[in-house]
Amino acid sequence: MTFPAVYTGKEMLKVAICGGSGYAGSELLRLLSRHREVRITAVTSERSSGSRVVDLFPHLRGLLDLSFEPLDPEILLKKADLFFLALPHAASQDAVNFFFSGGRRVIDLSADFRLRDPDVYEEWYGVRHEYRSVLRRAVYGLPELYRRKIRKARVVANPGCYPTGALLGLYPALKEGLIEPDSIVIDSKSGTSGAGRKAAVPYSFCEVNESFRAYGIATHRHTPEIEQELSVIHGAGVRVDFTPHLLPVNRGILTTIHCRLKNKDLDTARLLELYLDTYRREPFVRIYDGDSLPDVRNVRGTNFCDIGVRVNRRTGALIVVTAIDNLLKGASGQAVQNMNIMMGFKETEGLDLFAPLP
């Protein structure tokens, strides 16, 4: 398949957002409306079709003048060179295939192209993958691990929010073979925006406020995604215990990872040195090298992943704490970062100047 050169550097890149009325879609609108290299030419929403974007999201007034439209792939294909898909899981397959086949670049924020094995996808999501040839072309969009592949990609599968914090927290130690791969326990807490913008009783104010609970124990769909990427890093199969929790806050994910060190003589200073060295050139990873540890408050509205490490010398355990904004580094911010890499833009463009949060 021959793809056109969709960006020449002489004009702004035309982008469309499919599924723009959800939380991830609204963040894409906010970030891209301030991006100096792109122009938003279309935004879709089935339930808000015909409505002005600023009527649904008043915080975007003065930043763009668009109305939501239905997702008609043939019409949209003519309007944009790159497509962001912020659609529900299993709903992206057809659109990704259509835009990809039409010679466009695609960044998919759903899980439809994250899992390389279509049988694993079907097992965890209960849906057959209909476009296996496109799946083989998709690149997992975690820039800190796959930047070179993302540069050449035509389809990028944007990572899940929980996997982003967990993978960045484990990558240096697992890559260097410092931890026992069968000892990994991942404990994550997310704000309620991670469940999406839909109305549902478990996520209503009275159910979430002054509450804190675990969910999806041993069944959460991000588990195979985490295991897939950790297995690539390790070079052999890895299984983890992953438990998510629901925090009574709007946004943010705090992840605490426990694992056994192979060498119990390692200390916190040595691990900090490793993490600082691994991520020293990464624009969106910050390592806490003092007494403080990551806090979701300090990443809110940013594309940063903050990481802290501690070694428990008494038990020989490595404890890693990460914090991200689930809607930014865990979704839309990372999608914009991937677009910047794909198109040869400055990687931090649109992400170093943050519009006010709604």
Protein backbone atom coordinates (compact mmCIF):
# COMPACT_ATOMS: atom_id res chain seq x y z
CA MET A 1 0.00 0.00 0.00
CA THR A 2 1.34 3.43 -0.94
CA PHE A 3 0.63 6.30 1.40
CA PRO A 4 0.65 9.94 0.34
CA ALA A 5 2.92 12.39 2.07
CA VAL A 6 0.17 13.97 4.12
CA TYR A 7 2.36 16.65 5.66
CA THR A 8 4.72 18.77 3.60
CA GLY A 9 5.65 21.31 6.24
CA LYS A 10 4.07 24.08 4.14
CA GLU A 11 0.61 24.00 5.67
CA MET A 12 -1.08 22.92 8.87
CA LEU A 13 -1.90 19.24 9.29
CA LYS A 14 -5.62 18.59 9.07
CA VAL A 15 -6.88 16.34 11.87
CA ALA A 16 -10.26 14.88 12.76
CA ILE A 17 -11.44 13.59 16.13
CA CYS A 18 -13.93 10.73 16.08
CA GLY A 19 -15.76 10.47 19.38
CA GLY A 20 -15.18 14.02 20.50
CA SER A 21 -17.91 14.32 23.13
CA GLY A 22 -16.28 12.09 25.75
CA TYR A 23 -13.59 13.02 28.24
CA ALA A 24 -10.72 11.87 26.03
CA GLY A 25 -12.26 13.60 23.03
CA SER A 26 -12.70 16.87 24.91
CA GLU A 27 -9.05 16.78 25.98
CA LEU A 28 -7.98 16.18 22.39
CA LEU A 29 -10.00 19.24 21.40
CA ARG A 30 -8.42 21.31 24.17
CA LEU A 31 -4.85 20.30 23.33
CA LEU A 32 -5.12 20.38 19.54
CA SER A 33 -6.90 23.73 19.51
CA ARG A 34 -3.65 25.22 20.87
CA HIS A 35 -1.30 23.14 18.69
CA ARG A 36 0.69 25.33 16.30
CA GLU A 37 1.09 22.68 13.59
CA VAL A 38 -2.44 21.33 13.20
CA ARG A 39 -5.95 22.43 12.34
CA ILE A 40 -9.00 20.53 13.58
CA THR A 41 -11.26 20.07 10.57
CA ALA A 42 -13.91 17.70 11.93
CA VAL A 43 -15.18 16.26 15.21
CA THR A 44 -17.80 13.54 15.49
CA SER A 45 -20.37 12.52 18.07
CA GLU A 46 -23.49 10.50 17.46
CA ARG A 47 -25.37 11.74 20.52
CA SER A 48 -24.34 15.39 20.08
CA SER A 49 -24.49 15.59 16.29
CA GLY A 50 -25.55 19.05 15.14
CA SER A 51 -24.57 20.74 18.38
CA ARG A 52 -21.73 23.24 18.59
CA VAL A 53 -18.65 21.98 20.39
CA VAL A 54 -18.55 25.05 22.65
CA ASP A 55 -22.13 24.43 23.78
CA LEU A 56 -21.06 21.06 25.21
CA PHE A 57 -17.63 22.27 26.34
CA PRO A 58 -17.87 25.98 27.25
CA HIS A 59 -14.23 26.06 28.35
CA LEU A 60 -13.28 25.85 24.65
CA ARG A 61 -15.00 29.13 23.72
CA GLY A 62 -12.77 31.26 21.58
CA LEU A 63 -10.50 28.31 20.73
CA LEU A 64 -12.47 26.66 17.92
CA ASP A 65 -15.70 27.02 15.98
CA LEU A 66 -16.94 23.57 15.00
CA SER A 67 -20.09 21.49 15.37
CA PHE A 68 -20.30 17.79 16.02
CA GLU A 69 -21.19 15.61 13.04
CA PRO A 70 -22.02 11.93 12.54
CA LEU A 71 -19.19 9.49 11.94
CA ASP A 72 -19.50 9.04 8.19
CA PRO A 73 -16.13 7.60 7.12
CA GLU A 74 -16.45 8.48 3.44
CA ILE A 75 -17.20 12.12 4.17
CA LEU A 76 -14.55 12.37 6.88
CA LEU A 77 -11.85 10.82 4.70
CA LYS A 78 -11.87 13.96 2.55
CA LYS A 79 -11.59 16.29 5.54
CA ALA A 80 -8.44 15.17 7.33
CA ASP A 81 -5.01 13.64 6.92
CA LEU A 82 -4.75 12.18 10.42
CA PHE A 83 -7.55 10.72 12.55
CA PHE A 84 -7.82 10.39 16.31
CA LEU A 85 -10.36 7.74 17.32
CA ALA A 86 -11.74 8.13 20.83
CA LEU A 87 -14.46 5.53 20.40
CA PRO A 88 -15.58 2.69 22.71
CA HIS A 89 -13.75 -0.61 22.57
CA ALA A 90 -14.83 -2.76 19.59
CA ALA A 91 -16.27 0.32 17.87
CA SER A 92 -12.97 1.45 16.35
CA GLN A 93 -12.17 -1.54 14.18
CA ASP A 94 -14.14 -0.57 11.07
CA ALA A 95 -13.14 3.10 11.17
CA VAL A 96 -9.43 2.36 11.71
CA ASN A 97 -9.45 -0.06 8.77
CA PHE A 98 -11.30 2.41 6.53
CA PHE A 99 -9.03 5.38 7.23
CA PHE A 100 -5.88 3.26 7.08
CA SER A 101 -6.96 1.74 3.76
CA GLY A 102 -7.71 5.26 2.52
CA GLY A 103 -4.09 6.27 3.06
CA ARG A 104 -4.55 8.22 6.26
CA ARG A 105 -2.66 8.04 9.53
CA VAL A 106 -4.64 6.85 12.54
CA ILE A 107 -4.18 7.06 16.31
CA ASP A 108 -6.67 4.82 18.07
CA LEU A 109 -7.37 5.46 21.76
CA SER A 110 -9.44 2.29 22.19
CA ALA A 111 -8.07 -1.19 22.94
CA ASP A 112 -8.90 -2.54 19.48
CA PHE A 113 -5.33 -2.54 18.16
CA ARG A 114 -3.27 -2.78 21.37
CA LEU A 115 -3.19 -6.55 21.76
CA ARG A 116 -1.02 -8.15 19.11
CA ASP A 117 -2.66 -11.58 19.42
CA PRO A 118 -6.24 -11.38 18.08
CA ASP A 119 -7.19 -14.47 20.07
CA VAL A 120 -6.19 -12.74 23.31
CA TYR A 121 -8.23 -9.72 22.25
CA GLU A 122 -11.27 -11.90 21.64
CA GLU A 123 -10.80 -13.68 24.97
CA TRP A 124 -10.72 -10.46 27.01
CA TYR A 125 -13.07 -8.25 25.00
CA GLY A 126 -15.52 -10.84 23.73
CA VAL A 127 -15.30 -9.57 20.13
CA ARG A 128 -13.60 -11.07 17.10
CA HIS A 129 -10.90 -8.94 15.50
CA GLU A 130 -11.94 -8.49 11.88
CA TYR A 131 -8.84 -6.70 10.57
CA ARG A 132 -5.86 -8.82 11.45
CA SER A 133 -3.66 -7.50 8.65
CA VAL A 134 -4.11 -3.95 9.98
CA LEU A 135 -3.50 -5.22 13.51
CA ARG A 136 -0.11 -6.54 12.39
CA ARG A 137 0.80 -3.06 11.14
CA ALA A 138 -0.24 -1.26 14.32
CA VAL A 139 2.47 0.06 16.65
CA TYR A 140 1.95 0.18 20.40
CA GLY A 141 2.14 3.88 21.19
CA LEU A 142 4.28 4.15 24.31
CA PRO A 143 6.93 6.61 23.12
CA GLU A 144 9.49 5.84 25.80
CA LEU A 145 9.66 2.24 24.51
CA TYR A 146 8.69 2.46 20.83
CA ARG A 147 9.63 5.93 19.60
CA ARG A 148 11.51 4.65 16.53
CA LYS A 149 8.60 2.48 15.42
CA ILE A 150 6.08 5.25 16.07
CA ARG A 151 8.00 7.58 13.72
CA LYS A 152 7.27 5.21 10.82
CA ALA A 153 3.81 4.07 11.92
CA ARG A 154 0.57 4.57 10.01
CA VAL A 155 -1.58 3.12 12.78
CA VAL A 156 -0.73 3.76 16.43
CA ALA A 157 -2.54 1.95 19.24
CA ASN A 158 -2.54 4.44 22.09
CA PRO A 159 -1.85 2.62 25.39
CA GLY A 160 -4.36 2.22 28.17
CA CYS A 161 -4.12 4.49 31.19
CA TYR A 162 -3.27 1.82 33.77
CA PRO A 163 -0.66 0.14 31.53
CA THR A 164 1.10 3.46 30.90
CA GLY A 165 1.88 4.06 34.58
CA ALA A 166 2.69 0.40 35.27
CA LEU A 167 4.96 -0.12 32.25
CA LEU A 168 6.96 3.06 32.74
CA GLY A 169 7.38 2.18 36.39
CA LEU A 170 8.68 -1.34 35.69
CA TYR A 171 10.63 -0.86 32.46
CA PRO A 172 14.11 0.06 33.79
CA ALA A 173 14.29 -2.63 36.49
CA LEU A 174 12.81 -5.39 34.34
CA LYS A 175 14.92 -4.50 31.30
CA GLU A 176 18.09 -4.77 33.40
CA GLY A 177 16.99 -8.09 34.88
CA LEU A 178 16.99 -6.78 38.45
CA ILE A 179 13.61 -8.17 39.54
CA GLU A 180 11.92 -11.55 39.67
CA PRO A 181 9.35 -11.40 36.84
CA ASP A 182 6.95 -13.73 38.64
CA SER A 183 6.74 -11.46 41.70
CA ILE A 184 5.08 -8.37 40.20
CA VAL A 185 2.05 -6.95 42.02
CA ILE A 186 0.47 -3.80 40.56
CA ASP A 187 -1.92 -1.78 42.71
CA SER A 188 -3.54 1.17 40.91
CA LYS A 189 -6.03 3.86 41.91
CA SER A 190 -7.87 5.92 39.32
CA GLY A 191 -10.14 8.93 39.27
CA THR A 192 -13.69 8.42 38.04
CA SER A 193 -13.08 9.97 34.60
CA GLY A 194 -11.34 6.71 33.73
CA ALA A 195 -14.78 5.12 33.41
CA GLY A 196 -15.78 7.56 30.67
CA ARG A 197 -18.50 10.20 30.45
CA LYS A 198 -21.44 7.81 30.39
CA ALA A 199 -24.07 7.94 33.11
CA ALA A 200 -23.88 4.89 35.38
CA VAL A 201 -24.91 4.39 39.00
CA PRO A 202 -21.51 3.07 40.26
CA TYR A 203 -19.84 6.32 39.12
CA SER A 204 -22.48 8.79 40.31
CA PHE A 205 -21.48 11.36 42.93
CA CYS A 206 -23.21 9.74 45.88
CA GLU A 207 -21.69 6.35 45.07
CA VAL A 208 -18.13 7.63 44.63
CA ASN A 209 -17.89 10.49 47.11
CA GLU A 210 -16.33 9.51 50.46
CA SER A 211 -15.75 6.02 49.05
CA PHE A 212 -12.75 3.97 47.94
CA ARG A 213 -13.06 0.50 46.47
CA ALA A 214 -11.34 -2.15 44.38
CA TYR A 215 -12.91 -3.51 41.21
CA GLY A 216 -12.09 -5.85 38.33
CA ILE A 217 -9.91 -8.06 40.53
CA ALA A 218 -8.13 -10.62 38.29
CA THR A 219 -10.43 -9.67 35.40
CA HIS A 220 -9.54 -6.13 34.33
CA ARG A 221 -9.01 -5.85 30.57
CA HIS A 222 -5.77 -3.92 30.92
CA THR A 223 -4.12 -7.03 32.40
CA PRO A 224 -3.21 -8.72 29.08
CA GLU A 225 -1.92 -5.40 27.74
CA ILE A 226 0.42 -5.00 30.71
CA GLU A 227 1.55 -8.63 30.46
CA GLN A 228 2.11 -8.36 26.70
CA GLU A 229 4.48 -5.43 27.00
CA LEU A 230 6.28 -6.71 30.10
CA SER A 231 6.87 -9.99 28.25
CA VAL A 232 8.48 -8.07 25.38
CA ILE A 233 10.73 -6.20 27.81
CA HIS A 234 11.67 -9.40 29.67
CA GLY A 235 12.02 -11.56 26.59
CA ALA A 236 9.75 -14.26 28.01
CA GLY A 237 6.21 -14.60 29.32
CA VAL A 238 5.29 -12.48 32.35
CA ARG A 239 2.16 -12.73 34.48
CA VAL A 240 1.15 -10.10 37.02
CA ASP A 241 -1.37 -9.53 39.77
CA PHE A 242 -3.14 -6.30 38.83
CA THR A 243 -5.84 -4.70 40.94
CA PRO A 244 -7.44 -1.34 40.08
CA HIS A 245 -9.28 0.86 42.56
CA LEU A 246 -11.70 3.76 42.17
CA LEU A 247 -10.71 7.03 43.84
CA PRO A 248 -13.23 9.77 44.71
CA VAL A 249 -11.44 12.31 42.48
CA ASN A 250 -12.03 13.43 38.91
CA ARG A 251 -8.72 12.49 37.32
CA GLY A 252 -5.36 10.93 38.00
CA ILE A 253 -3.87 7.47 38.51
CA LEU A 254 -1.51 6.51 41.33
CA THR A 255 0.14 3.12 40.86
CA THR A 256 2.19 1.28 43.47
CA ILE A 257 4.22 -1.68 42.20
CA HIS A 258 5.79 -4.35 44.43
CA CYS A 259 8.35 -6.89 43.20
CA ARG A 260 11.29 -8.93 44.52
CA LEU A 261 14.85 -7.94 43.73
CA LYS A 262 17.16 -10.67 42.51
CA ASN A 263 20.07 -9.08 44.37
CA LYS A 264 19.15 -8.06 47.90
CA ASP A 265 22.31 -5.96 48.16
CA LEU A 266 20.81 -3.35 45.82
CA ASP A 267 19.67 -0.15 47.52
CA THR A 268 17.48 2.83 46.70
CA ALA A 269 20.42 4.94 45.52
CA ARG A 270 21.41 2.35 42.92
CA LEU A 271 17.86 2.01 41.61
CA LEU A 272 17.40 5.77 41.46
CA GLU A 273 20.59 6.02 39.42
CA LEU A 274 19.20 3.44 36.98
CA TYR A 275 15.85 5.18 36.61
CA LEU A 276 17.43 8.61 36.20
CA ASP A 277 19.78 7.27 33.54
CA THR A 278 17.01 5.41 31.68
CA TYR A 279 14.70 8.40 31.45
CA ARG A 280 17.18 11.29 31.41
CA ARG A 281 16.21 12.30 27.85
CA GLU A 282 12.47 11.68 28.15
CA PRO A 283 10.54 14.97 28.12
CA PHE A 284 7.52 13.60 29.99
CA VAL A 285 9.05 11.34 32.65
CA ARG A 286 10.13 12.87 35.96
CA ILE A 287 12.05 10.83 38.56
CA TYR A 288 11.69 11.81 42.20
CA ASP A 289 15.19 11.61 43.66
CA GLY A 290 14.52 13.21 47.05
CA ASP A 291 12.36 12.28 50.01
CA SER A 292 9.07 13.08 48.23
CA LEU A 293 7.02 10.65 46.15
CA PRO A 294 4.63 11.12 43.20
CA ASP A 295 1.20 12.58 43.87
CA VAL A 296 -1.70 12.75 41.40
CA ARG A 297 -2.15 16.42 42.29
CA ASN A 298 1.23 17.23 40.75
CA VAL A 299 0.48 15.68 37.35
CA ARG A 300 -3.09 16.92 36.93
CA GLY A 301 -3.51 18.56 33.54
CA THR A 302 -0.04 17.50 32.35
CA ASN A 303 1.45 14.81 30.15
CA PHE A 304 4.01 13.81 32.80
CA CYS A 305 4.56 10.42 34.35
CA ASP A 306 6.15 10.95 37.76
CA ILE A 307 8.10 8.02 39.20
CA GLY A 308 9.51 7.30 42.65
CA VAL A 309 11.46 4.21 43.71
CA ARG A 310 12.29 2.72 47.08
CA VAL A 311 14.08 -0.47 48.11
CA ASN A 312 12.95 -2.26 51.25
CA ARG A 313 16.27 -3.73 52.41
CA ARG A 314 14.52 -5.72 55.12
CA THR A 315 12.42 -7.73 52.63
CA GLY A 316 14.47 -7.37 49.45
CA ALA A 317 11.59 -5.71 47.64
CA LEU A 318 11.55 -2.93 45.06
CA ILE A 319 8.60 -0.56 45.41
CA VAL A 320 7.83 1.79 42.52
CA VAL A 321 5.23 4.56 42.65
CA THR A 322 3.98 6.31 39.51
CA ALA A 323 1.46 9.09 38.95
CA ILE A 324 -0.17 10.21 35.71
CA ASP A 325 -3.22 12.15 34.61
CA ASN A 326 -5.36 9.37 33.15
CA LEU A 327 -6.84 11.74 30.55
CA LEU A 328 -3.48 13.14 29.44
CA LYS A 329 -0.48 10.79 29.63
CA GLY A 330 -3.04 8.01 30.03
CA ALA A 331 -5.00 8.98 26.90
CA SER A 332 -5.20 12.22 24.91
CA GLY A 333 -1.86 13.80 25.87
CA GLN A 334 -0.03 10.64 24.89
CA ALA A 335 -2.02 10.54 21.64
CA VAL A 336 -0.83 14.07 20.80
CA GLN A 337 2.71 13.07 21.75
CA ASN A 338 2.43 10.15 19.33
CA MET A 339 1.14 12.42 16.58
CA ASN A 340 4.09 14.77 17.10
CA ILE A 341 6.50 11.85 16.73
CA MET A 342 4.73 10.46 13.66
CA MET A 343 4.70 13.82 11.89
CA GLY A 344 8.17 14.99 12.85
CA PHE A 345 6.89 17.84 15.01
CA LYS A 346 8.60 18.89 18.21
CA GLU A 347 7.58 16.12 20.62
CA THR A 348 6.36 18.51 23.30
CA GLU A 349 4.36 20.71 20.90
CA GLY A 350 0.86 21.33 22.23
CA LEU A 351 1.79 19.68 25.52
CA ASP A 352 4.15 22.23 27.04
CA LEU A 353 1.58 25.03 26.99
CA PHE A 354 -1.51 23.83 28.78
CA ALA A 355 -4.86 25.53 28.29
CA PRO A 356 -6.80 26.03 31.53
CA LEU A 357 -8.51 22.89 32.76
CA PRO A 358 -12.32 22.92 32.72
